[in-house]
Amino acid sequence: MSQIKLIGSPLPSMPWQEKPAGCTAPVWRYSGNPIIGRNPLPNVARIFNSAVMPYEDGYIGVFRAEQRDGIPHIYLGRSRDAVHWEFDPERIPFTDKSGKPFLPPYAYDPRLVKVDDIYYIMWCQDMFGPTIGIAKTTDFKTFTRLENPFLPYNRNAVLFPRKINGNFVMLSRPCDNGHTAFGEIFLSESPDMEFWGRHRHVMGKSGSWWESLKIGGGSAPIETSEGWLMFYHGVVHTCNGYVYSIGAAILDLAEPSKVLHRCSNYILTPEEWYEERGFVPNVCFPCATLTDSDTGRIAIYYGCADSYVGVAFTTVQEVWDYILKYDKLNDEDVELGIR
């Protein structure tokens, strides 16, 4: 197998556990999972589907917090080790451009991505139907909301961590007004994070059973020497409901609507109690990664059964080798995504 390297900064403090003896999977779970349990705050029943990243001398994160009234909102959390978290007692105080309070009716499944010197938060919210909300911050004290990038209906937005050909690039998954029984990954470009266009298809569901119903974006794509490493979620409809697994693919660096390699196997599927049993059973939903360019280590943060947060580990070489071993592209994967 060819060698692959992470492009980015070293992160020697990131969580890590060595691969257990006898493990044949490309990804292995943290032995201390789940890292966030139920009722983490007085008015919050569950935290899951959340995103973290390095910040100052520790880590910071945006967390989907299901409140006790059943409405999801985004809360801010901080950690020294990216495993043990302390949360602000109130949801993030989003404002409009003039500084006036501007809170979404609900907000869930956030991602957190730094582009240049600005941190962007993306989530799903109501705008006469589910669609994407975006805010920016430079200090995690003030959070300014931007215009909604798309009309309803859309979910699972995540930015690439740098501009490509001079533009911001964002993945999303167009949907409908319900619990969508379909979905494919698209990308869009913007010169300014306000006006979006050049919408292109990236990839759709496949013949592999675990992603035969729909797919959607996961964590921010990771830049490597061989392309953008993308972790995403794939869904199958079983006789007992939906099952969410985690998949992996490699996108072209300059034209990320082109898929270079796509693993026909999942890399993680619900197997542990905290993934199989919860408010929504049988869910592994990736939202963030931490990476260390010196060692090639990757920590994947994922929501578990809409009830918990888990961490899993791999290395860029291990997951790359696994993708190539089970590589299987669809015809539309290799297209530019324009029709």
C-alpha atoms as a PDB file:
ATOM      1  CA  MET A   1       0.000   0.000   0.000  1.00  0.00           C
ATOM      2  CA  SER A   2       1.162   3.563  -0.672  1.00  0.00           C
ATOM      3  CA  GLN A   3       2.031   5.928   2.140  1.00  0.00           C
ATOM      4  CA  ILE A   4      -0.251   8.790   3.138  1.00  0.00           C
ATOM      5  CA  LYS A   5       0.377  11.767   5.409  1.00  0.00           C
ATOM      6  CA  LEU A   6      -1.828  14.220   7.263  1.00  0.00           C
ATOM      7  CA  ILE A   7      -1.496  17.857   6.203  1.00  0.00           C
ATOM      8  CA  GLY A   8      -1.774  20.140   9.205  1.00  0.00           C
ATOM      9  CA  SER A   9      -0.374  20.867  12.631  1.00  0.00           C
ATOM     10  CA  PRO A  10       0.897  18.509  15.319  1.00  0.00           C
ATOM     11  CA  LEU A  11      -1.404  17.906  18.271  1.00  0.00           C
ATOM     12  CA  PRO A  12       0.537  15.812  20.784  1.00  0.00           C
ATOM     13  CA  SER A  13      -2.033  16.395  23.548  1.00  0.00           C
ATOM     14  CA  MET A  14      -4.933  14.777  21.685  1.00  0.00           C
ATOM     15  CA  PRO A  15      -6.583  11.715  23.273  1.00  0.00           C
ATOM     16  CA  TRP A  16      -5.168   8.397  22.188  1.00  0.00           C
ATOM     17  CA  GLN A  17      -5.245   4.691  22.954  1.00  0.00           C
ATOM     18  CA  GLU A  18      -3.276   2.056  21.098  1.00  0.00           C
ATOM     19  CA  LYS A  19      -5.130  -0.491  19.020  1.00  0.00           C
ATOM     20  CA  PRO A  20      -6.208  -3.432  21.195  1.00  0.00           C
ATOM     21  CA  ALA A  21      -4.586  -6.780  20.568  1.00  0.00           C
ATOM     22  CA  GLY A  22      -6.691  -8.907  18.279  1.00  0.00           C
ATOM     23  CA  CYS A  23      -8.686  -5.979  16.847  1.00  0.00           C
ATOM     24  CA  THR A  24      -9.122  -6.453  13.098  1.00  0.00           C
ATOM     25  CA  ALA A  25     -11.215  -3.323  12.437  1.00  0.00           C
ATOM     26  CA  PRO A  26      -9.609  -0.121  11.085  1.00  0.00           C
ATOM     27  CA  VAL A  27     -11.163   1.925  13.916  1.00  0.00           C
ATOM     28  CA  TRP A  28     -11.270   1.108  17.617  1.00  0.00           C
ATOM     29  CA  ARG A  29     -13.299   2.620  20.453  1.00  0.00           C
ATOM     30  CA  TYR A  30     -12.050   4.492  23.481  1.00  0.00           C
ATOM     31  CA  SER A  31     -12.280   2.198  26.495  1.00  0.00           C
ATOM     32  CA  GLY A  32     -13.820   5.015  28.556  1.00  0.00           C
ATOM     33  CA  ASN A  33     -16.832   5.526  26.263  1.00  0.00           C
ATOM     34  CA  PRO A  34     -19.235   7.193  26.492  1.00  0.00           C
ATOM     35  CA  ILE A  35     -17.322  10.323  27.447  1.00  0.00           C
ATOM     36  CA  ILE A  36     -20.538  12.316  28.046  1.00  0.00           C
ATOM     37  CA  GLY A  37     -23.433  10.628  29.803  1.00  0.00           C
ATOM     38  CA  ARG A  38     -27.039  11.574  30.386  1.00  0.00           C
ATOM     39  CA  ASN A  39     -28.248  14.629  32.323  1.00  0.00           C
ATOM     40  CA  PRO A  40     -24.966  16.571  32.066  1.00  0.00           C
ATOM     41  CA  LEU A  41     -26.637  19.882  33.029  1.00  0.00           C
ATOM     42  CA  PRO A  42     -29.678  20.694  35.182  1.00  0.00           C
ATOM     43  CA  ASN A  43     -31.906  21.481  32.185  1.00  0.00           C
ATOM     44  CA  VAL A  44     -30.242  19.158  29.656  1.00  0.00           C
ATOM     45  CA  ALA A  45     -31.222  15.506  29.348  1.00  0.00           C
ATOM     46  CA  ARG A  46     -28.764  14.363  26.688  1.00  0.00           C
ATOM     47  CA  ILE A  47     -25.723  15.601  24.751  1.00  0.00           C
ATOM     48  CA  PHE A  48     -24.754  13.925  21.470  1.00  0.00           C
ATOM     49  CA  ASN A  49     -23.837  14.704  17.811  1.00  0.00           C
ATOM     50  CA  SER A  50     -21.308  17.365  18.816  1.00  0.00           C
ATOM     51  CA  ALA A  51     -18.061  18.854  17.498  1.00  0.00           C
ATOM     52  CA  VAL A  52     -14.749  19.688  19.187  1.00  0.00           C
ATOM     53  CA  MET A  53     -11.418  21.221  18.228  1.00  0.00           C
ATOM     54  CA  PRO A  54      -8.175  22.526  19.791  1.00  0.00           C
ATOM     55  CA  TYR A  55      -8.339  25.994  21.277  1.00  0.00           C
ATOM     56  CA  GLU A  56      -5.672  27.923  23.229  1.00  0.00           C
ATOM     57  CA  ASP A  57      -4.126  25.487  25.725  1.00  0.00           C
ATOM     58  CA  GLY A  58      -6.973  22.978  25.642  1.00  0.00           C
ATOM     59  CA  TYR A  59     -10.079  22.141  23.648  1.00  0.00           C
ATOM     60  CA  ILE A  60     -13.436  23.697  22.934  1.00  0.00           C
ATOM     61  CA  GLY A  61     -16.635  22.256  21.551  1.00  0.00           C
ATOM     62  CA  VAL A  62     -20.184  22.942  20.408  1.00  0.00           C
ATOM     63  CA  PHE A  63     -22.661  20.411  21.726  1.00  0.00           C
ATOM     64  CA  ARG A  64     -26.139  19.349  20.724  1.00  0.00           C
ATOM     65  CA  ALA A  65     -27.981  19.564  24.020  1.00  0.00           C
ATOM     66  CA  GLU A  66     -31.458  18.113  24.128  1.00  0.00           C
ATOM     67  CA  GLN A  67     -33.229  20.178  26.772  1.00  0.00           C
ATOM     68  CA  ARG A  68     -35.809  18.748  29.131  1.00  0.00           C
ATOM     69  CA  ASP A  69     -38.577  20.463  27.197  1.00  0.00           C
ATOM     70  CA  GLY A  70     -37.519  18.373  24.186  1.00  0.00           C
ATOM     71  CA  ILE A  71     -36.082  21.281  22.178  1.00  0.00           C
ATOM     72  CA  PRO A  72     -32.434  20.982  21.043  1.00  0.00           C
ATOM     73  CA  HIS A  73     -30.020  23.893  21.329  1.00  0.00           C
ATOM     74  CA  ILE A  74     -26.250  24.355  21.092  1.00  0.00           C
ATOM     75  CA  TYR A  75     -24.146  24.700  24.222  1.00  0.00           C
ATOM     76  CA  LEU A  76     -20.463  25.537  24.557  1.00  0.00           C
ATOM     77  CA  GLY A  77     -18.032  23.228  26.359  1.00  0.00           C
ATOM     78  CA  ARG A  78     -14.371  23.343  27.356  1.00  0.00           C
ATOM     79  CA  SER A  79     -11.850  20.676  28.240  1.00  0.00           C
ATOM     80  CA  ARG A  80      -8.201  20.269  29.129  1.00  0.00           C
ATOM     81  CA  ASP A  81      -7.914  16.792  27.619  1.00  0.00           C
ATOM     82  CA  ALA A  82     -10.804  16.588  25.094  1.00  0.00           C
ATOM     83  CA  VAL A  83     -12.376  13.804  27.164  1.00  0.00           C
ATOM     84  CA  HIS A  84     -13.637  15.424  30.355  1.00  0.00           C
ATOM     85  CA  TRP A  85     -15.890  18.397  29.604  1.00  0.00           C
ATOM     86  CA  GLU A  86     -17.346  21.371  31.437  1.00  0.00           C
ATOM     87  CA  PHE A  87     -20.336  23.087  29.852  1.00  0.00           C
ATOM     88  CA  ASP A  88     -21.670  26.616  30.003  1.00  0.00           C
ATOM     89  CA  PRO A  89     -24.974  26.572  31.903  1.00  0.00           C
ATOM     90  CA  GLU A  90     -26.877  28.389  29.138  1.00  0.00           C
ATOM     91  CA  ARG A  91     -27.062  27.886  25.387  1.00  0.00           C
ATOM     92  CA  ILE A  92     -24.775  29.887  23.085  1.00  0.00           C
ATOM     93  CA  PRO A  93     -25.997  33.534  22.939  1.00  0.00           C
ATOM     94  CA  PHE A  94     -26.116  34.055  19.181  1.00  0.00           C
ATOM     95  CA  THR A  95     -26.597  37.630  17.936  1.00  0.00           C
ATOM     96  CA  ASP A  96     -27.278  39.303  14.613  1.00  0.00           C
ATOM     97  CA  LYS A  97     -24.725  41.533  12.878  1.00  0.00           C
ATOM     98  CA  SER A  98     -25.780  44.519  14.989  1.00  0.00           C
ATOM     99  CA  GLY A  99     -25.187  42.628  18.218  1.00  0.00           C
ATOM    100  CA  LYS A 100     -28.843  42.065  19.112  1.00  0.00           C
ATOM    101  CA  PRO A 101     -29.905  38.646  20.449  1.00  0.00           C
ATOM    102  CA  PHE A 102     -30.848  36.349  17.576  1.00  0.00           C
ATOM    103  CA  LEU A 103     -31.462  32.811  18.793  1.00  0.00           C
ATOM    104  CA  PRO A 104     -32.750  30.094  16.455  1.00  0.00           C
ATOM    105  CA  PRO A 105     -36.026  28.375  17.420  1.00  0.00           C
ATOM    106  CA  TYR A 106     -34.062  25.160  17.702  1.00  0.00           C
ATOM    107  CA  ALA A 107     -30.567  24.039  16.687  1.00  0.00           C
ATOM    108  CA  TYR A 108     -29.013  20.615  16.413  1.00  0.00           C
ATOM    109  CA  ASP A 109     -26.108  18.541  15.034  1.00  0.00           C
ATOM    110  CA  PRO A 110     -23.505  21.340  15.097  1.00  0.00           C
ATOM    111  CA  ARG A 111     -20.127  21.254  13.415  1.00  0.00           C
ATOM    112  CA  LEU A 112     -17.201  23.519  14.283  1.00  0.00           C
ATOM    113  CA  VAL A 113     -14.546  24.406  11.697  1.00  0.00           C
ATOM    114  CA  LYS A 114     -11.757  26.990  11.665  1.00  0.00           C
ATOM    115  CA  VAL A 115     -11.028  28.673   8.317  1.00  0.00           C
ATOM    116  CA  ASP A 116      -8.171  31.167   8.378  1.00  0.00           C
ATOM    117  CA  ASP A 117      -8.591  32.948  11.756  1.00  0.00           C
ATOM    118  CA  ILE A 118     -12.349  32.560  12.144  1.00  0.00           C
ATOM    119  CA  TYR A 119     -14.296  29.747  13.787  1.00  0.00           C
ATOM    120  CA  TYR A 120     -17.565  28.815  12.075  1.00  0.00           C
ATOM    121  CA  ILE A 121     -20.425  26.898  13.660  1.00  0.00           C
ATOM    122  CA  MET A 122     -22.951  25.165  11.398  1.00  0.00           C
ATOM    123  CA  TRP A 123     -26.154  23.476  12.532  1.00  0.00           C
ATOM    124  CA  CYS A 124     -29.654  22.529  11.431  1.00  0.00           C
ATOM    125  CA  GLN A 125     -32.430  24.931  12.409  1.00  0.00           C
ATOM    126  CA  ASP A 126     -35.896  26.074  11.417  1.00  0.00           C
ATOM    127  CA  MET A 127     -36.271  28.620   8.627  1.00  0.00           C
ATOM    128  CA  PHE A 128     -39.845  27.766   7.587  1.00  0.00           C
ATOM    129  CA  GLY A 129     -38.570  24.215   7.415  1.00  0.00           C
ATOM    130  CA  PRO A 130     -35.286  22.589   8.420  1.00  0.00           C
ATOM    131  CA  THR A 131     -32.239  24.228   6.900  1.00  0.00           C
ATOM    132  CA  ILE A 132     -28.716  25.313   7.781  1.00  0.00           C
ATOM    133  CA  GLY A 133     -27.714  28.002  10.258  1.00  0.00           C
ATOM    134  CA  ILE A 134     -24.220  29.487  10.471  1.00  0.00           C
ATOM    135  CA  ALA A 135     -22.446  31.693  12.995  1.00  0.00           C
ATOM    136  CA  LYS A 136     -18.892  32.919  13.385  1.00  0.00           C
ATOM    137  CA  THR A 137     -16.653  33.799  16.306  1.00  0.00           C
ATOM    138  CA  THR A 138     -13.039  34.660  16.939  1.00  0.00           C
ATOM    139  CA  ASP A 139     -13.050  34.416  20.741  1.00  0.00           C
ATOM    140  CA  PHE A 140     -15.942  32.104  21.741  1.00  0.00           C
ATOM    141  CA  LYS A 141     -17.463  35.000  23.624  1.00  0.00           C
ATOM    142  CA  THR A 142     -19.487  36.671  20.879  1.00  0.00           C
ATOM    143  CA  PHE A 143     -21.236  34.623  18.195  1.00  0.00           C
ATOM    144  CA  THR A 144     -22.569  36.417  15.128  1.00  0.00           C
ATOM    145  CA  ARG A 145     -25.093  34.638  12.960  1.00  0.00           C
ATOM    146  CA  LEU A 146     -24.766  34.859   9.188  1.00  0.00           C
ATOM    147  CA  GLU A 147     -27.434  34.558   6.527  1.00  0.00           C
ATOM    148  CA  ASN A 148     -28.905  31.109   5.935  1.00  0.00           C
ATOM    149  CA  PRO A 149     -26.875  29.689   3.047  1.00  0.00           C
ATOM    150  CA  PHE A 150     -29.720  27.685   1.486  1.00  0.00           C
ATOM    151  CA  LEU A 151     -33.481  27.538   1.218  1.00  0.00           C
ATOM    152  CA  PRO A 152     -35.260  24.776   3.115  1.00  0.00           C
ATOM    153  CA  TYR A 153     -34.776  21.880   3.173  1.00  0.00           C
ATOM    154  CA  ASN A 154     -31.209  20.961   4.052  1.00  0.00           C
ATOM    155  CA  ARG A 155     -29.142  19.387   6.825  1.00  0.00           C
ATOM    156  CA  ASN A 156     -25.660  18.107   7.716  1.00  0.00           C
ATOM    157  CA  ALA A 157     -23.611  21.151   6.738  1.00  0.00           C
ATOM    158  CA  VAL A 158     -19.857  21.063   7.243  1.00  0.00           C
ATOM    159  CA  LEU A 159     -17.132  23.371   5.924  1.00  0.00           C
ATOM    160  CA  PHE A 160     -13.821  22.342   4.481  1.00  0.00           C
ATOM    161  CA  PRO A 161     -11.064  23.667   6.796  1.00  0.00           C
ATOM    162  CA  ARG A 162      -9.523  25.899   4.127  1.00  0.00           C
ATOM    163  CA  LYS A 163     -10.603  27.696   0.986  1.00  0.00           C
ATOM    164  CA  ILE A 164     -10.335  25.794  -2.288  1.00  0.00           C
ATOM    165  CA  ASN A 165      -9.577  27.792  -5.429  1.00  0.00           C
ATOM    166  CA  GLY A 166     -10.242  30.957  -3.430  1.00  0.00           C
ATOM    167  CA  ASN A 167     -13.720  29.997  -2.203  1.00  0.00           C
ATOM    168  CA  PHE A 168     -15.246  28.610   0.968  1.00  0.00           C
ATOM    169  CA  VAL A 169     -16.577  25.104   0.300  1.00  0.00           C
ATOM    170  CA  MET A 170     -19.352  23.449   2.279  1.00  0.00           C
ATOM    171  CA  LEU A 171     -20.892  19.989   2.193  1.00  0.00           C
ATOM    172  CA  SER A 172     -24.623  19.578   2.781  1.00  0.00           C
ATOM    173  CA  ARG A 173     -27.438  17.093   2.330  1.00  0.00           C
ATOM    174  CA  PRO A 174     -30.672  18.345   0.762  1.00  0.00           C
ATOM    175  CA  CYS A 175     -33.694  16.752   2.417  1.00  0.00           C
ATOM    176  CA  ASP A 176     -37.419  17.158   2.987  1.00  0.00           C
ATOM    177  CA  ASN A 177     -39.497  18.376   5.916  1.00  0.00           C
ATOM    178  CA  GLY A 178     -39.571  15.059   7.760  1.00  0.00           C
ATOM    179  CA  HIS A 179     -37.197  12.321   8.834  1.00  0.00           C
ATOM    180  CA  THR A 180     -35.849  12.106   5.311  1.00  0.00           C
ATOM    181  CA  ALA A 181     -35.820   8.628   3.803  1.00  0.00           C
ATOM    182  CA  PHE A 182     -33.324   9.773   1.155  1.00  0.00           C
ATOM    183  CA  GLY A 183     -30.185  11.868   0.997  1.00  0.00           C
ATOM    184  CA  GLU A 184     -26.928  12.404  -0.865  1.00  0.00           C
ATOM    185  CA  ILE A 185     -23.893  14.623  -0.276  1.00  0.00           C
ATOM    186  CA  PHE A 186     -23.518  17.835  -2.285  1.00  0.00           C
ATOM    187  CA  LEU A 187     -21.040  20.691  -2.079  1.00  0.00           C
ATOM    188  CA  SER A 188     -21.449  24.421  -2.635  1.00  0.00           C
ATOM    189  CA  GLU A 189     -19.001  27.316  -2.899  1.00  0.00           C
ATOM    190  CA  SER A 190     -19.034  30.886  -1.646  1.00  0.00           C
ATOM    191  CA  PRO A 191     -16.651  33.843  -1.928  1.00  0.00           C
ATOM    192  CA  ASP A 192     -17.870  35.394   1.328  1.00  0.00           C
ATOM    193  CA  MET A 193     -19.904  32.858   3.399  1.00  0.00           C
ATOM    194  CA  GLU A 194     -23.105  34.652   2.386  1.00  0.00           C
ATOM    195  CA  PHE A 195     -23.758  33.984  -1.301  1.00  0.00           C
ATOM    196  CA  TRP A 196     -23.602  30.318  -2.237  1.00  0.00           C
ATOM    197  CA  GLY A 197     -23.533  28.644  -5.629  1.00  0.00           C
ATOM    198  CA  ARG A 198     -21.712  26.175  -7.891  1.00  0.00           C
ATOM    199  CA  HIS A 199     -23.725  23.368  -6.296  1.00  0.00           C
ATOM    200  CA  ARG A 200     -22.271  19.993  -7.203  1.00  0.00           C
ATOM    201  CA  HIS A 201     -23.070  16.384  -6.376  1.00  0.00           C
ATOM    202  CA  VAL A 202     -20.333  14.566  -4.468  1.00  0.00           C
ATOM    203  CA  MET A 203     -21.688  11.079  -3.776  1.00  0.00           C
ATOM    204  CA  GLY A 204     -24.884   9.192  -3.025  1.00  0.00           C
ATOM    205  CA  LYS A 205     -25.997   5.952  -1.450  1.00  0.00           C
ATOM    206  CA  SER A 206     -24.443   2.745  -2.736  1.00  0.00           C
ATOM    207  CA  GLY A 207     -25.224  -0.934  -3.078  1.00  0.00           C
ATOM    208  CA  SER A 208     -23.516  -1.646   0.248  1.00  0.00           C
ATOM    209  CA  TRP A 209     -26.285  -2.562   2.709  1.00  0.00           C
ATOM    210  CA  TRP A 210     -25.125  -0.203   5.477  1.00  0.00           C
ATOM    211  CA  GLU A 211     -25.563   2.900   3.242  1.00  0.00           C
ATOM    212  CA  SER A 212     -28.356   1.684   0.985  1.00  0.00           C
ATOM    213  CA  LEU A 213     -30.987   4.211   2.167  1.00  0.00           C
ATOM    214  CA  LYS A 214     -29.128   7.542   2.451  1.00  0.00           C
ATOM    215  CA  ILE A 215     -25.832   9.178   3.371  1.00  0.00           C
ATOM    216  CA  GLY A 216     -24.799  12.528   4.837  1.00  0.00           C
ATOM    217  CA  GLY A 217     -21.768  14.537   5.860  1.00  0.00           C
ATOM    218  CA  GLY A 218     -19.899  13.923   9.083  1.00  0.00           C
ATOM    219  CA  SER A 219     -16.785  15.611  10.390  1.00  0.00           C
ATOM    220  CA  ALA A 220     -14.884  18.313   8.496  1.00  0.00           C
ATOM    221  CA  PRO A 221     -12.841  16.736   5.681  1.00  0.00           C
ATOM    222  CA  ILE A 222      -9.227  16.096   6.667  1.00  0.00           C
ATOM    223  CA  GLU A 223      -6.505  17.206   4.265  1.00  0.00           C
ATOM    224  CA  THR A 224      -3.970  14.509   3.412  1.00  0.00           C
ATOM    225  CA  SER A 225      -1.230  14.033   0.854  1.00  0.00           C
ATOM    226  CA  GLU A 226      -3.611  11.870  -1.216  1.00  0.00           C
ATOM    227  CA  GLY A 227      -6.814  13.905  -1.028  1.00  0.00           C
ATOM    228  CA  TRP A 228      -9.516  14.949   1.442  1.00  0.00           C
ATOM    229  CA  LEU A 229     -10.322  12.166   3.905  1.00  0.00           C
ATOM    230  CA  MET A 230     -14.063  12.335   4.562  1.00  0.00           C
ATOM    231  CA  PHE A 231     -15.847  10.475   7.344  1.00  0.00           C
ATOM    232  CA  TYR A 232     -19.593  10.402   6.761  1.00  0.00           C
ATOM    233  CA  HIS A 233     -22.698   8.563   7.937  1.00  0.00           C
ATOM    234  CA  GLY A 234     -24.553   5.905   5.992  1.00  0.00           C
ATOM    235  CA  VAL A 235     -28.026   4.623   6.809  1.00  0.00           C
ATOM    236  CA  VAL A 236     -29.878   1.364   6.190  1.00  0.00           C
ATOM    237  CA  HIS A 237     -33.580   0.765   6.833  1.00  0.00           C
ATOM    238  CA  THR A 238     -33.995  -2.522   8.683  1.00  0.00           C
ATOM    239  CA  CYS A 239     -37.159  -4.263   9.876  1.00  0.00           C
ATOM    240  CA  ASN A 240     -36.475  -2.646  13.257  1.00  0.00           C
ATOM    241  CA  GLY A 241     -35.755   0.896  12.051  1.00  0.00           C
ATOM    242  CA  TYR A 242     -32.798   2.908  10.797  1.00  0.00           C
ATOM    243  CA  VAL A 243     -29.170   2.005  11.541  1.00  0.00           C
ATOM    244  CA  TYR A 244     -26.473   4.696  11.227  1.00  0.00           C
ATOM    245  CA  SER A 245     -22.877   3.630  10.522  1.00  0.00           C
ATOM    246  CA  ILE A 246     -19.687   5.548   9.727  1.00  0.00           C
ATOM    247  CA  GLY A 247     -18.047   5.350   6.302  1.00  0.00           C
ATOM    248  CA  ALA A 248     -14.903   6.807   4.731  1.00  0.00           C
ATOM    249  CA  ALA A 249     -13.921   8.167   1.325  1.00  0.00           C
ATOM    250  CA  ILE A 250     -11.150  10.206  -0.309  1.00  0.00           C
ATOM    251  CA  LEU A 251     -12.053  13.313  -2.346  1.00  0.00           C
ATOM    252  CA  ASP A 252      -9.912  15.136  -4.891  1.00  0.00           C
ATOM    253  CA  LEU A 253      -7.959  18.011  -3.325  1.00  0.00           C
ATOM    254  CA  ALA A 254      -8.660  20.572  -6.055  1.00  0.00           C
ATOM    255  CA  GLU A 255     -12.096  19.290  -7.170  1.00  0.00           C
ATOM    256  CA  PRO A 256     -13.647  17.706  -4.076  1.00  0.00           C
ATOM    257  CA  SER A 257     -16.888  16.839  -5.891  1.00  0.00           C
ATOM    258  CA  LYS A 258     -14.824  14.043  -7.461  1.00  0.00           C
ATOM    259  CA  VAL A 259     -14.454  10.907  -5.331  1.00  0.00           C
ATOM    260  CA  LEU A 260     -11.099   9.178  -5.713  1.00  0.00           C
ATOM    261  CA  HIS A 261     -11.660   6.224  -3.383  1.00  0.00           C
ATOM    262  CA  ARG A 262     -14.665   4.989  -1.434  1.00  0.00           C
ATOM    263  CA  CYS A 263     -14.754   2.188   1.105  1.00  0.00           C
ATOM    264  CA  SER A 264     -17.553  -0.307   0.458  1.00  0.00           C
ATOM    265  CA  ASN A 265     -17.350  -1.446   4.097  1.00  0.00           C
ATOM    266  CA  TYR A 266     -18.355   0.687   7.066  1.00  0.00           C
ATOM    267  CA  ILE A 267     -15.516   1.583   9.415  1.00  0.00           C
ATOM    268  CA  LEU A 268     -17.724   1.708  12.529  1.00  0.00           C
ATOM    269  CA  THR A 269     -21.261   0.437  13.144  1.00  0.00           C
ATOM    270  CA  PRO A 270     -23.375   0.176  16.312  1.00  0.00           C
ATOM    271  CA  GLU A 271     -22.110  -2.712  18.430  1.00  0.00           C
ATOM    272  CA  GLU A 272     -21.685  -1.401  21.982  1.00  0.00           C
ATOM    273  CA  TRP A 273     -24.555  -0.798  24.429  1.00  0.00           C
ATOM    274  CA  TYR A 274     -24.241   2.996  24.236  1.00  0.00           C
ATOM    275  CA  GLU A 275     -24.558   2.837  20.424  1.00  0.00           C
ATOM    276  CA  GLU A 276     -27.336   0.258  20.276  1.00  0.00           C
ATOM    277  CA  ARG A 277     -29.443   1.427  23.220  1.00  0.00           C
ATOM    278  CA  GLY A 278     -30.685   4.971  23.721  1.00  0.00           C
ATOM    279  CA  PHE A 279     -33.258   7.564  22.751  1.00  0.00           C
ATOM    280  CA  VAL A 280     -32.726   6.633  19.086  1.00  0.00           C
ATOM    281  CA  PRO A 281     -31.103   3.186  19.023  1.00  0.00           C
ATOM    282  CA  ASN A 282     -28.414   1.976  16.625  1.00  0.00           C
ATOM    283  CA  VAL A 283     -26.688   5.247  15.763  1.00  0.00           C
ATOM    284  CA  CYS A 284     -23.009   6.085  15.187  1.00  0.00           C
ATOM    285  CA  PHE A 285     -22.976   9.675  13.874  1.00  0.00           C
ATOM    286  CA  PRO A 286     -19.569  11.359  13.238  1.00  0.00           C
ATOM    287  CA  CYS A 287     -19.304  15.118  13.802  1.00  0.00           C
ATOM    288  CA  ALA A 288     -15.634  15.944  14.454  1.00  0.00           C
ATOM    289  CA  THR A 289     -12.067  14.702  14.423  1.00  0.00           C
ATOM    290  CA  LEU A 290      -8.809  15.614  16.109  1.00  0.00           C
ATOM    291  CA  THR A 291      -5.605  14.904  14.183  1.00  0.00           C
ATOM    292  CA  ASP A 292      -1.883  14.885  14.891  1.00  0.00           C
ATOM    293  CA  SER A 293       0.204  15.390  11.767  1.00  0.00           C
ATOM    294  CA  ASP A 294       3.398  14.098  13.409  1.00  0.00           C
ATOM    295  CA  THR A 295       2.013  10.649  14.236  1.00  0.00           C
ATOM    296  CA  GLY A 296      -0.897  10.369  11.799  1.00  0.00           C
ATOM    297  CA  ARG A 297      -3.286   9.739  14.679  1.00  0.00           C
ATOM    298  CA  ILE A 298      -6.992  10.519  14.328  1.00  0.00           C
ATOM    299  CA  ALA A 299      -9.654  10.688  17.053  1.00  0.00           C
ATOM    300  CA  ILE A 300     -13.244  10.546  15.781  1.00  0.00           C
ATOM    301  CA  TYR A 301     -15.999  12.118  17.898  1.00  0.00           C
ATOM    302  CA  TYR A 302     -19.398  10.640  17.233  1.00  0.00           C
ATOM    303  CA  GLY A 303     -22.917  10.706  18.619  1.00  0.00           C
ATOM    304  CA  CYS A 304     -24.202   7.446  20.053  1.00  0.00           C
ATOM    305  CA  ALA A 305     -27.901   6.479  19.953  1.00  0.00           C
ATOM    306  CA  ASP A 306     -28.911  10.163  20.257  1.00  0.00           C
ATOM    307  CA  SER A 307     -27.948   9.869  23.930  1.00  0.00           C
ATOM    308  CA  TYR A 308     -24.169   9.945  24.368  1.00  0.00           C
ATOM    309  CA  VAL A 309     -20.836  11.082  22.896  1.00  0.00           C
ATOM    310  CA  GLY A 310     -18.181   8.521  22.040  1.00  0.00           C
ATOM    311  CA  VAL A 311     -14.605   8.630  20.744  1.00  0.00           C
ATOM    312  CA  ALA A 312     -12.905   6.177  18.401  1.00  0.00           C
ATOM    313  CA  PHE A 313      -9.336   6.039  17.149  1.00  0.00           C
ATOM    314  CA  THR A 314      -7.475   5.235  13.968  1.00  0.00           C
ATOM    315  CA  THR A 315      -4.436   6.411  12.033  1.00  0.00           C
ATOM    316  CA  VAL A 316      -4.490   7.985   8.606  1.00  0.00           C
ATOM    317  CA  GLN A 317      -2.409   5.105   7.246  1.00  0.00           C
ATOM    318  CA  GLU A 318      -4.667   2.431   8.710  1.00  0.00           C
ATOM    319  CA  VAL A 319      -7.879   3.949   7.410  1.00  0.00           C
ATOM    320  CA  TRP A 320      -6.268   4.692   4.024  1.00  0.00           C
ATOM    321  CA  ASP A 321      -5.154   1.083   3.631  1.00  0.00           C
ATOM    322  CA  TYR A 322      -8.645  -0.110   4.573  1.00  0.00           C
ATOM    323  CA  ILE A 323     -10.314   2.229   2.071  1.00  0.00           C
ATOM    324  CA  LEU A 324      -8.037   1.001  -0.725  1.00  0.00           C
ATOM    325  CA  LYS A 325      -8.551  -2.652   0.220  1.00  0.00           C
ATOM    326  CA  TYR A 326     -12.330  -2.297  -0.109  1.00  0.00           C
ATOM    327  CA  ASP A 327     -12.404   0.477  -2.701  1.00  0.00           C
ATOM    328  CA  LYS A 328     -15.551   0.548  -4.831  1.00  0.00           C
ATOM    329  CA  LEU A 329     -16.708   3.611  -6.757  1.00  0.00           C
ATOM    330  CA  ASN A 330     -20.086   4.305  -8.310  1.00  0.00           C
ATOM    331  CA  ASP A 331     -20.204   5.797 -11.800  1.00  0.00           C
ATOM    332  CA  GLU A 332     -21.369   9.225 -10.541  1.00  0.00           C
ATOM    333  CA  ASP A 333     -18.673   9.321  -7.835  1.00  0.00           C
ATOM    334  CA  VAL A 334     -15.959  10.174 -10.352  1.00  0.00           C
ATOM    335  CA  GLU A 335     -17.970  12.869 -12.153  1.00  0.00           C
ATOM    336  CA  LEU A 336     -17.522  16.572 -11.544  1.00  0.00           C
ATOM    337  CA  GLY A 337     -21.064  16.580 -10.167  1.00  0.00           C
ATOM    338  CA  ILE A 338     -22.695  18.849 -12.761  1.00  0.00           C
ATOM    339  CA  ARG A 339     -25.687  17.771 -14.852  1.00  0.00           C
END
